[in-house]
Amino acid sequence: MYKILILTDFSSASNHTVAFTQALFADTATQFYLLHAFSTEPAEGFTGAFLPAEQRRLAEESLLKLERTITQQPVPSYHSYRTVAMLGSPVSTVDTLLAQEYFDLVVVGATGLGRTEFFGSVATGVVRFANTNVLVVPASSPIRQLERVVLATDYRSVNDAESFVFLTDLVRRKAAQLTILTIENPKQPDMKASELSHRYVLRAFDGPQIDTYSIQDEDVLRGINAYLDSHSVDLLVTLPHHKSVFDVLRKNSETRPLAYHPRVPLLALYDSPVPRE
């Protein structure tokens, strides 16, 4: 059984995120946790400031209303729902919950309205800090059968093939076509992955039908977007290794700009670093 944490602010975009996730896991037993993070600052209302206790009460009532709306529709008997209202920012509350219990996936919607693509977006913040898989769902993503999945990787930087277990199960359940996309810099031929790295990654997907595709481009993001321009993709998958703040300032991350304003649903797999002796 999967445990999935879905962030909601009760907007139409987050309601779409809930519906998208339900459809993606319609064929498997799942516990859905609906999380709403409310502000630490008193909010002004018509009768004055709402204190945190009042904000919590309103948040819990809104969550229960959302749960009732969901469960009034036909839902599989192997799906269950819980609601969680927490004081704090969306990123900090996710971090707190993940420290308390394990979730297979955190799901967040994205509209591209953050202040900057590095620090202003909830989606990029969750991708950066969550120590589990993260699914970013654009508000415009259609809810349809998952048929074409693309994993963007350079093969060389995969820490542990176990990181692909979640993706492998998803591809098998949906009988989806998996394409492994590589962006190779023609000016750095010495950075090309070895045959051993290729075999290590491909062995992780023993079973699902796999294609490989390579694009020559000096810029990884440009190469990925070029592929999306010319191919139909239902889900883009990356391994966004957690980077330091200096890497963020230098824009040394392909996944965070993709998560800030994703063109298609983005699955960021958690690939924990291998301990060094």
C-alpha atoms as a PDB file:
ATOM      1  CA  MET A   1       0.000   0.000   0.000  1.00  0.00           C
ATOM      2  CA  TYR A   2       1.221   3.482  -0.874  1.00  0.00           C
ATOM      3  CA  LYS A   3       1.144   6.465   1.481  1.00  0.00           C
ATOM      4  CA  ILE A   4       0.803   9.716  -0.433  1.00  0.00           C
ATOM      5  CA  LEU A   5       0.880  13.248   0.944  1.00  0.00           C
ATOM      6  CA  ILE A   6      -0.998  15.838  -1.151  1.00  0.00           C
ATOM      7  CA  LEU A   7      -0.655  19.562  -0.449  1.00  0.00           C
ATOM      8  CA  THR A   8      -3.825  21.608  -0.812  1.00  0.00           C
ATOM      9  CA  ASP A   9      -4.764  25.269  -0.458  1.00  0.00           C
ATOM     10  CA  PHE A  10      -8.353  24.557  -1.562  1.00  0.00           C
ATOM     11  CA  SER A  11      -7.839  26.347  -4.881  1.00  0.00           C
ATOM     12  CA  SER A  12      -9.067  24.921  -8.183  1.00  0.00           C
ATOM     13  CA  ALA A  13      -5.435  24.129  -9.046  1.00  0.00           C
ATOM     14  CA  SER A  14      -4.913  22.044  -5.892  1.00  0.00           C
ATOM     15  CA  ASN A  15      -8.297  20.337  -6.376  1.00  0.00           C
ATOM     16  CA  HIS A  16      -7.059  19.366  -9.829  1.00  0.00           C
ATOM     17  CA  THR A  17      -3.878  18.002  -8.223  1.00  0.00           C
ATOM     18  CA  VAL A  18      -5.961  15.790  -5.923  1.00  0.00           C
ATOM     19  CA  ALA A  19      -8.034  14.467  -8.848  1.00  0.00           C
ATOM     20  CA  PHE A  20      -4.894  13.834 -10.921  1.00  0.00           C
ATOM     21  CA  THR A  21      -3.300  11.830  -8.089  1.00  0.00           C
ATOM     22  CA  GLN A  22      -6.456   9.815  -7.485  1.00  0.00           C
ATOM     23  CA  ALA A  23      -6.529   8.827 -11.154  1.00  0.00           C
ATOM     24  CA  LEU A  24      -2.826   7.935 -11.174  1.00  0.00           C
ATOM     25  CA  PHE A  25      -3.325   5.518  -8.260  1.00  0.00           C
ATOM     26  CA  ALA A  26      -6.837   4.354  -9.137  1.00  0.00           C
ATOM     27  CA  ASP A  27      -5.567   0.807  -9.611  1.00  0.00           C
ATOM     28  CA  THR A  28      -3.690   0.302  -6.329  1.00  0.00           C
ATOM     29  CA  ALA A  29      -4.270   0.476  -2.564  1.00  0.00           C
ATOM     30  CA  THR A  30      -3.401   3.947  -1.314  1.00  0.00           C
ATOM     31  CA  GLN A  31      -3.670   6.053   1.830  1.00  0.00           C
ATOM     32  CA  PHE A  32      -4.083   9.699   0.849  1.00  0.00           C
ATOM     33  CA  TYR A  33      -3.132  12.396   3.358  1.00  0.00           C
ATOM     34  CA  LEU A  34      -4.498  15.854   2.531  1.00  0.00           C
ATOM     35  CA  LEU A  35      -2.201  18.512   4.017  1.00  0.00           C
ATOM     36  CA  HIS A  36      -3.041  22.194   4.418  1.00  0.00           C
ATOM     37  CA  ALA A  37      -0.366  24.501   5.848  1.00  0.00           C
ATOM     38  CA  PHE A  38      -1.685  27.728   7.331  1.00  0.00           C
ATOM     39  CA  SER A  39       0.244  30.910   7.946  1.00  0.00           C
ATOM     40  CA  THR A  40       2.100  31.744  11.145  1.00  0.00           C
ATOM     41  CA  GLU A  41       1.024  35.376  10.702  1.00  0.00           C
ATOM     42  CA  PRO A  42      -2.412  36.530  11.898  1.00  0.00           C
ATOM     43  CA  ALA A  43      -4.691  37.016   8.884  1.00  0.00           C
ATOM     44  CA  GLU A  44      -6.943  40.066   8.611  1.00  0.00           C
ATOM     45  CA  GLY A  45     -10.675  39.403   8.290  1.00  0.00           C
ATOM     46  CA  PHE A  46     -13.801  41.529   8.321  1.00  0.00           C
ATOM     47  CA  THR A  47     -13.919  41.345  12.136  1.00  0.00           C
ATOM     48  CA  GLY A  48     -10.218  41.853  12.733  1.00  0.00           C
ATOM     49  CA  ALA A  49      -7.244  39.495  12.865  1.00  0.00           C
ATOM     50  CA  PHE A  50      -7.701  35.719  12.784  1.00  0.00           C
ATOM     51  CA  LEU A  51      -5.453  34.200  15.436  1.00  0.00           C
ATOM     52  CA  PRO A  52      -3.645  30.873  14.762  1.00  0.00           C
ATOM     53  CA  ALA A  53      -6.232  28.896  16.768  1.00  0.00           C
ATOM     54  CA  GLU A  54      -9.031  30.285  14.615  1.00  0.00           C
ATOM     55  CA  GLN A  55      -7.002  29.690  11.456  1.00  0.00           C
ATOM     56  CA  ARG A  56      -6.498  26.067  12.497  1.00  0.00           C
ATOM     57  CA  ARG A  57     -10.229  25.610  13.076  1.00  0.00           C
ATOM     58  CA  LEU A  58     -11.048  27.067   9.664  1.00  0.00           C
ATOM     59  CA  ALA A  59      -8.346  24.943   8.019  1.00  0.00           C
ATOM     60  CA  GLU A  60      -9.645  21.750   9.624  1.00  0.00           C
ATOM     61  CA  GLU A  61     -13.211  22.561   8.587  1.00  0.00           C
ATOM     62  CA  SER A  62     -12.101  23.200   5.006  1.00  0.00           C
ATOM     63  CA  LEU A  63     -10.151  19.929   4.950  1.00  0.00           C
ATOM     64  CA  LEU A  64     -13.143  17.956   6.198  1.00  0.00           C
ATOM     65  CA  LYS A  65     -15.316  19.614   3.562  1.00  0.00           C
ATOM     66  CA  LEU A  66     -12.776  18.646   0.889  1.00  0.00           C
ATOM     67  CA  GLU A  67     -12.662  15.061   2.176  1.00  0.00           C
ATOM     68  CA  ARG A  68     -16.475  14.839   2.100  1.00  0.00           C
ATOM     69  CA  THR A  69     -16.512  16.174  -1.462  1.00  0.00           C
ATOM     70  CA  ILE A  70     -13.969  13.547  -2.516  1.00  0.00           C
ATOM     71  CA  THR A  71     -15.639  10.605  -0.799  1.00  0.00           C
ATOM     72  CA  GLN A  72     -19.127  11.515  -2.007  1.00  0.00           C
ATOM     73  CA  GLN A  73     -17.921  10.468  -5.444  1.00  0.00           C
ATOM     74  CA  PRO A  74     -17.392   6.759  -6.210  1.00  0.00           C
ATOM     75  CA  VAL A  75     -13.943   5.858  -4.839  1.00  0.00           C
ATOM     76  CA  PRO A  76     -12.239   2.455  -4.655  1.00  0.00           C
ATOM     77  CA  SER A  77     -12.651   0.601  -1.375  1.00  0.00           C
ATOM     78  CA  TYR A  78      -8.858   0.286  -1.171  1.00  0.00           C
ATOM     79  CA  HIS A  79      -8.443   4.087  -1.007  1.00  0.00           C
ATOM     80  CA  SER A  80      -8.544   5.870   2.343  1.00  0.00           C
ATOM     81  CA  TYR A  81      -8.229   9.543   3.297  1.00  0.00           C
ATOM     82  CA  ARG A  82      -6.865  11.493   6.239  1.00  0.00           C
ATOM     83  CA  THR A  83      -6.615  15.246   6.739  1.00  0.00           C
ATOM     84  CA  VAL A  84      -3.775  17.202   8.344  1.00  0.00           C
ATOM     85  CA  ALA A  85      -3.768  20.940   9.185  1.00  0.00           C
ATOM     86  CA  MET A  86      -0.400  22.302  10.299  1.00  0.00           C
ATOM     87  CA  LEU A  87       0.936  25.689  11.299  1.00  0.00           C
ATOM     88  CA  GLY A  88       3.834  26.800   9.096  1.00  0.00           C
ATOM     89  CA  SER A  89       4.898  27.096   5.497  1.00  0.00           C
ATOM     90  CA  PRO A  90       4.102  24.300   3.032  1.00  0.00           C
ATOM     91  CA  VAL A  91       7.770  23.317   2.748  1.00  0.00           C
ATOM     92  CA  SER A  92       8.412  23.306   6.511  1.00  0.00           C
ATOM     93  CA  THR A  93       5.263  21.314   7.288  1.00  0.00           C
ATOM     94  CA  VAL A  94       6.169  18.698   4.677  1.00  0.00           C
ATOM     95  CA  ASP A  95       9.630  18.465   6.223  1.00  0.00           C
ATOM     96  CA  THR A  96       8.104  18.005   9.688  1.00  0.00           C
ATOM     97  CA  LEU A  97       5.732  15.259   8.561  1.00  0.00           C
ATOM     98  CA  LEU A  98       8.470  13.400   6.676  1.00  0.00           C
ATOM     99  CA  ALA A  99      10.577  13.436   9.839  1.00  0.00           C
ATOM    100  CA  GLN A 100       7.697  11.775  11.711  1.00  0.00           C
ATOM    101  CA  GLU A 101       6.652   9.103   9.231  1.00  0.00           C
ATOM    102  CA  TYR A 102       7.425   7.739   5.804  1.00  0.00           C
ATOM    103  CA  PHE A 103       5.508   8.741   2.690  1.00  0.00           C
ATOM    104  CA  ASP A 104       6.135   7.162  -0.713  1.00  0.00           C
ATOM    105  CA  LEU A 105       5.256  10.356  -2.516  1.00  0.00           C
ATOM    106  CA  VAL A 106       4.554  14.044  -1.910  1.00  0.00           C
ATOM    107  CA  VAL A 107       2.301  15.716  -4.481  1.00  0.00           C
ATOM    108  CA  VAL A 108       2.131  19.461  -5.086  1.00  0.00           C
ATOM    109  CA  GLY A 109       0.479  21.561  -7.764  1.00  0.00           C
ATOM    110  CA  ALA A 110       2.357  24.215  -9.735  1.00  0.00           C
ATOM    111  CA  THR A 111       1.139  27.364 -11.435  1.00  0.00           C
ATOM    112  CA  GLY A 112       4.480  29.144 -11.956  1.00  0.00           C
ATOM    113  CA  LEU A 113       3.370  32.055  -9.748  1.00  0.00           C
ATOM    114  CA  GLY A 114       6.233  31.890  -7.247  1.00  0.00           C
ATOM    115  CA  ARG A 115       8.360  34.979  -6.676  1.00  0.00           C
ATOM    116  CA  THR A 116      11.398  33.340  -8.272  1.00  0.00           C
ATOM    117  CA  GLU A 117      12.002  29.890  -9.628  1.00  0.00           C
ATOM    118  CA  PHE A 118      14.613  29.228  -6.955  1.00  0.00           C
ATOM    119  CA  PHE A 119      13.077  30.495  -3.712  1.00  0.00           C
ATOM    120  CA  GLY A 120       9.491  31.560  -4.393  1.00  0.00           C
ATOM    121  CA  SER A 121       7.792  28.390  -5.514  1.00  0.00           C
ATOM    122  CA  VAL A 122       6.347  25.777  -3.177  1.00  0.00           C
ATOM    123  CA  ALA A 123       6.976  23.109  -5.810  1.00  0.00           C
ATOM    124  CA  THR A 124      10.687  23.893  -6.133  1.00  0.00           C
ATOM    125  CA  GLY A 125      11.047  24.101  -2.350  1.00  0.00           C
ATOM    126  CA  VAL A 126       9.459  20.700  -1.811  1.00  0.00           C
ATOM    127  CA  VAL A 127      11.589  19.150  -4.564  1.00  0.00           C
ATOM    128  CA  ARG A 128      14.705  20.585  -2.970  1.00  0.00           C
ATOM    129  CA  PHE A 129      14.103  19.559   0.641  1.00  0.00           C
ATOM    130  CA  ALA A 130      11.797  16.513   0.705  1.00  0.00           C
ATOM    131  CA  ASN A 131      13.598  13.235   1.387  1.00  0.00           C
ATOM    132  CA  THR A 132      11.146  11.223  -0.698  1.00  0.00           C
ATOM    133  CA  ASN A 133       9.718  11.179  -4.214  1.00  0.00           C
ATOM    134  CA  VAL A 134       7.876  14.337  -5.307  1.00  0.00           C
ATOM    135  CA  LEU A 135       5.241  14.713  -8.035  1.00  0.00           C
ATOM    136  CA  VAL A 136       4.621  18.220  -9.410  1.00  0.00           C
ATOM    137  CA  VAL A 137       1.309  18.551 -11.262  1.00  0.00           C
ATOM    138  CA  PRO A 138       0.738  21.564 -13.544  1.00  0.00           C
ATOM    139  CA  ALA A 139      -2.713  23.105 -13.218  1.00  0.00           C
ATOM    140  CA  SER A 140      -3.213  22.565 -16.952  1.00  0.00           C
ATOM    141  CA  SER A 141      -2.326  18.837 -17.030  1.00  0.00           C
ATOM    142  CA  PRO A 142      -5.127  16.705 -18.486  1.00  0.00           C
ATOM    143  CA  ILE A 143      -6.212  13.672 -16.480  1.00  0.00           C
ATOM    144  CA  ARG A 144      -5.685  10.780 -18.861  1.00  0.00           C
ATOM    145  CA  GLN A 145      -4.095   7.363 -19.204  1.00  0.00           C
ATOM    146  CA  LEU A 146      -0.374   7.366 -18.474  1.00  0.00           C
ATOM    147  CA  GLU A 147       1.229   6.041 -21.671  1.00  0.00           C
ATOM    148  CA  ARG A 148       4.532   7.838 -22.300  1.00  0.00           C
ATOM    149  CA  VAL A 149       7.055   8.291 -19.489  1.00  0.00           C
ATOM    150  CA  VAL A 150      10.466   9.911 -20.016  1.00  0.00           C
ATOM    151  CA  LEU A 151      13.349   9.576 -17.557  1.00  0.00           C
ATOM    152  CA  ALA A 152      15.986  12.270 -18.084  1.00  0.00           C
ATOM    153  CA  THR A 153      19.332  11.087 -16.737  1.00  0.00           C
ATOM    154  CA  ASP A 154      23.030  11.184 -17.558  1.00  0.00           C
ATOM    155  CA  TYR A 155      23.420   7.613 -16.163  1.00  0.00           C
ATOM    156  CA  ARG A 156      26.619   8.601 -14.363  1.00  0.00           C
ATOM    157  CA  SER A 157      25.042  10.380 -11.387  1.00  0.00           C
ATOM    158  CA  VAL A 158      22.637   7.647 -10.243  1.00  0.00           C
ATOM    159  CA  ASN A 159      23.542   6.861  -6.633  1.00  0.00           C
ATOM    160  CA  ASP A 160      21.383   3.792  -6.141  1.00  0.00           C
ATOM    161  CA  ALA A 161      19.238   1.816  -8.580  1.00  0.00           C
ATOM    162  CA  GLU A 162      16.762   1.324  -5.705  1.00  0.00           C
ATOM    163  CA  SER A 163      15.669   4.892  -6.449  1.00  0.00           C
ATOM    164  CA  PHE A 164      13.848   3.550  -9.511  1.00  0.00           C
ATOM    165  CA  VAL A 165      11.595   1.094  -7.619  1.00  0.00           C
ATOM    166  CA  PHE A 166       8.699   3.555  -7.414  1.00  0.00           C
ATOM    167  CA  LEU A 167       9.004   4.460 -11.101  1.00  0.00           C
ATOM    168  CA  THR A 168       9.288   0.813 -12.171  1.00  0.00           C
ATOM    169  CA  ASP A 169       6.077  -0.084 -10.352  1.00  0.00           C
ATOM    170  CA  LEU A 170       4.255   2.892 -11.878  1.00  0.00           C
ATOM    171  CA  VAL A 171       5.363   2.027 -15.423  1.00  0.00           C
ATOM    172  CA  ARG A 172       4.403  -1.622 -14.989  1.00  0.00           C
ATOM    173  CA  ARG A 173       0.970  -0.860 -13.511  1.00  0.00           C
ATOM    174  CA  LYS A 174       0.141   1.515 -16.341  1.00  0.00           C
ATOM    175  CA  ALA A 175       1.793  -0.603 -19.071  1.00  0.00           C
ATOM    176  CA  ALA A 176       3.468   2.633 -20.113  1.00  0.00           C
ATOM    177  CA  GLN A 177       6.316   3.139 -22.563  1.00  0.00           C
ATOM    178  CA  LEU A 178       9.494   4.282 -20.782  1.00  0.00           C
ATOM    179  CA  THR A 179      12.098   6.315 -22.635  1.00  0.00           C
ATOM    180  CA  ILE A 180      15.477   7.103 -21.090  1.00  0.00           C
ATOM    181  CA  LEU A 181      16.554  10.518 -22.368  1.00  0.00           C
ATOM    182  CA  THR A 182      20.176  11.665 -22.264  1.00  0.00           C
ATOM    183  CA  ILE A 183      21.404  15.168 -23.069  1.00  0.00           C
ATOM    184  CA  GLU A 184      25.036  14.950 -24.168  1.00  0.00           C
ATOM    185  CA  ASN A 185      27.274  17.979 -24.415  1.00  0.00           C
ATOM    186  CA  PRO A 186      29.185  17.725 -27.733  1.00  0.00           C
ATOM    187  CA  LYS A 187      31.941  19.913 -26.264  1.00  0.00           C
ATOM    188  CA  GLN A 188      32.521  17.473 -23.394  1.00  0.00           C
ATOM    189  CA  PRO A 189      32.840  14.027 -24.982  1.00  0.00           C
ATOM    190  CA  ASP A 190      34.868  12.821 -21.981  1.00  0.00           C
ATOM    191  CA  MET A 191      31.753  13.262 -19.783  1.00  0.00           C
ATOM    192  CA  LYS A 192      29.815  10.609 -21.646  1.00  0.00           C
ATOM    193  CA  ALA A 193      28.580   7.792 -19.410  1.00  0.00           C
ATOM    194  CA  SER A 194      30.386   4.473 -19.489  1.00  0.00           C
ATOM    195  CA  GLU A 195      28.820   1.251 -20.686  1.00  0.00           C
ATOM    196  CA  LEU A 196      28.885   0.035 -17.079  1.00  0.00           C
ATOM    197  CA  SER A 197      26.760   3.034 -15.981  1.00  0.00           C
ATOM    198  CA  HIS A 198      24.309   2.321 -18.806  1.00  0.00           C
ATOM    199  CA  ARG A 199      23.927  -1.318 -17.791  1.00  0.00           C
ATOM    200  CA  TYR A 200      23.522  -0.394 -14.106  1.00  0.00           C
ATOM    201  CA  VAL A 201      20.546   1.851 -14.845  1.00  0.00           C
ATOM    202  CA  LEU A 202      18.944  -0.390 -17.476  1.00  0.00           C
ATOM    203  CA  ARG A 203      19.046  -3.410 -15.143  1.00  0.00           C
ATOM    204  CA  ALA A 204      16.816  -1.483 -12.723  1.00  0.00           C
ATOM    205  CA  PHE A 205      14.040  -1.600 -15.333  1.00  0.00           C
ATOM    206  CA  ASP A 206      14.219  -5.261 -16.189  1.00  0.00           C
ATOM    207  CA  GLY A 207      10.709  -5.948 -17.443  1.00  0.00           C
ATOM    208  CA  PRO A 208       9.166  -2.682 -18.679  1.00  0.00           C
ATOM    209  CA  GLN A 209       9.583  -1.828 -22.344  1.00  0.00           C
ATOM    210  CA  ILE A 210      12.404   0.711 -22.656  1.00  0.00           C
ATOM    211  CA  ASP A 211      13.615   3.018 -25.397  1.00  0.00           C
ATOM    212  CA  THR A 212      16.716   5.187 -25.228  1.00  0.00           C
ATOM    213  CA  TYR A 213      17.089   8.604 -26.828  1.00  0.00           C
ATOM    214  CA  SER A 214      20.017  11.003 -26.942  1.00  0.00           C
ATOM    215  CA  ILE A 215      20.137  14.717 -27.785  1.00  0.00           C
ATOM    216  CA  GLN A 216      23.309  16.679 -28.437  1.00  0.00           C
ATOM    217  CA  ASP A 217      23.113  20.023 -26.661  1.00  0.00           C
ATOM    218  CA  GLU A 218      25.393  22.088 -24.421  1.00  0.00           C
ATOM    219  CA  ASP A 219      22.434  23.029 -22.208  1.00  0.00           C
ATOM    220  CA  VAL A 220      20.516  20.257 -20.417  1.00  0.00           C
ATOM    221  CA  LEU A 221      17.311  22.261 -19.936  1.00  0.00           C
ATOM    222  CA  ARG A 222      17.281  23.319 -23.573  1.00  0.00           C
ATOM    223  CA  GLY A 223      17.770  19.714 -24.620  1.00  0.00           C
ATOM    224  CA  ILE A 224      14.900  18.497 -22.436  1.00  0.00           C
ATOM    225  CA  ASN A 225      12.609  21.219 -23.773  1.00  0.00           C
ATOM    226  CA  ALA A 226      13.597  20.330 -27.319  1.00  0.00           C
ATOM    227  CA  TYR A 227      12.491  16.764 -26.660  1.00  0.00           C
ATOM    228  CA  LEU A 228       9.192  17.961 -25.169  1.00  0.00           C
ATOM    229  CA  ASP A 229       8.671  20.159 -28.242  1.00  0.00           C
ATOM    230  CA  SER A 230       8.835  17.201 -30.584  1.00  0.00           C
ATOM    231  CA  HIS A 231       7.403  14.323 -28.511  1.00  0.00           C
ATOM    232  CA  SER A 232       4.215  13.639 -26.600  1.00  0.00           C
ATOM    233  CA  VAL A 233       5.086  13.061 -22.922  1.00  0.00           C
ATOM    234  CA  ASP A 234       2.684  12.222 -20.075  1.00  0.00           C
ATOM    235  CA  LEU A 235       5.285  12.242 -17.288  1.00  0.00           C
ATOM    236  CA  LEU A 236       8.833  13.589 -17.089  1.00  0.00           C
ATOM    237  CA  VAL A 237      11.085  11.981 -14.457  1.00  0.00           C
ATOM    238  CA  THR A 238      14.337  13.300 -12.982  1.00  0.00           C
ATOM    239  CA  LEU A 239      16.729  12.579 -10.123  1.00  0.00           C
ATOM    240  CA  PRO A 240      17.375  16.060  -8.710  1.00  0.00           C
ATOM    241  CA  HIS A 241      20.199  15.366  -6.209  1.00  0.00           C
ATOM    242  CA  HIS A 242      19.843  17.706  -3.240  1.00  0.00           C
ATOM    243  CA  LYS A 243      22.254  20.580  -3.752  1.00  0.00           C
ATOM    244  CA  SER A 244      23.685  23.264  -1.528  1.00  0.00           C
ATOM    245  CA  VAL A 245      22.396  26.841  -1.496  1.00  0.00           C
ATOM    246  CA  PHE A 246      25.431  27.854  -3.570  1.00  0.00           C
ATOM    247  CA  ASP A 247      24.333  25.467  -6.315  1.00  0.00           C
ATOM    248  CA  VAL A 248      20.880  27.070  -6.207  1.00  0.00           C
ATOM    249  CA  LEU A 249      22.326  30.563  -6.538  1.00  0.00           C
ATOM    250  CA  ARG A 250      24.426  29.404  -9.479  1.00  0.00           C
ATOM    251  CA  LYS A 251      21.313  27.830 -10.995  1.00  0.00           C
ATOM    252  CA  ASN A 252      23.175  24.509 -10.942  1.00  0.00           C
ATOM    253  CA  SER A 253      20.004  22.412 -11.050  1.00  0.00           C
ATOM    254  CA  GLU A 254      17.908  21.270 -13.974  1.00  0.00           C
ATOM    255  CA  THR A 255      14.940  20.026 -11.945  1.00  0.00           C
ATOM    256  CA  ARG A 256      14.009  23.161 -10.004  1.00  0.00           C
ATOM    257  CA  PRO A 257      13.317  25.346 -13.073  1.00  0.00           C
ATOM    258  CA  LEU A 258      11.309  22.447 -14.498  1.00  0.00           C
ATOM    259  CA  ALA A 259       9.332  22.212 -11.247  1.00  0.00           C
ATOM    260  CA  TYR A 260       8.723  25.963 -11.085  1.00  0.00           C
ATOM    261  CA  HIS A 261       6.771  26.047 -14.335  1.00  0.00           C
ATOM    262  CA  PRO A 262       6.451  22.454 -15.581  1.00  0.00           C
ATOM    263  CA  ARG A 263       5.150  21.790 -19.072  1.00  0.00           C
ATOM    264  CA  VAL A 264       4.110  18.252 -18.132  1.00  0.00           C
ATOM    265  CA  PRO A 265       3.756  16.430 -14.786  1.00  0.00           C
ATOM    266  CA  LEU A 266       7.193  16.072 -13.207  1.00  0.00           C
ATOM    267  CA  LEU A 267       8.246  13.180 -10.958  1.00  0.00           C
ATOM    268  CA  ALA A 268      11.405  13.942  -8.979  1.00  0.00           C
ATOM    269  CA  LEU A 269      12.752  10.667  -7.624  1.00  0.00           C
ATOM    270  CA  TYR A 270      14.582  10.720  -4.324  1.00  0.00           C
ATOM    271  CA  ASP A 271      18.095   9.428  -4.855  1.00  0.00           C
ATOM    272  CA  SER A 272      19.802   9.595  -1.482  1.00  0.00           C
ATOM    273  CA  PRO A 273      23.579   9.978  -1.480  1.00  0.00           C
ATOM    274  CA  VAL A 274      25.611   6.831  -0.928  1.00  0.00           C
ATOM    275  CA  PRO A 275      27.475   7.059   2.418  1.00  0.00           C
ATOM    276  CA  ARG A 276      31.198   7.477   1.986  1.00  0.00           C
ATOM    277  CA  GLU A 277      33.615   5.564   4.164  1.00  0.00           C
END
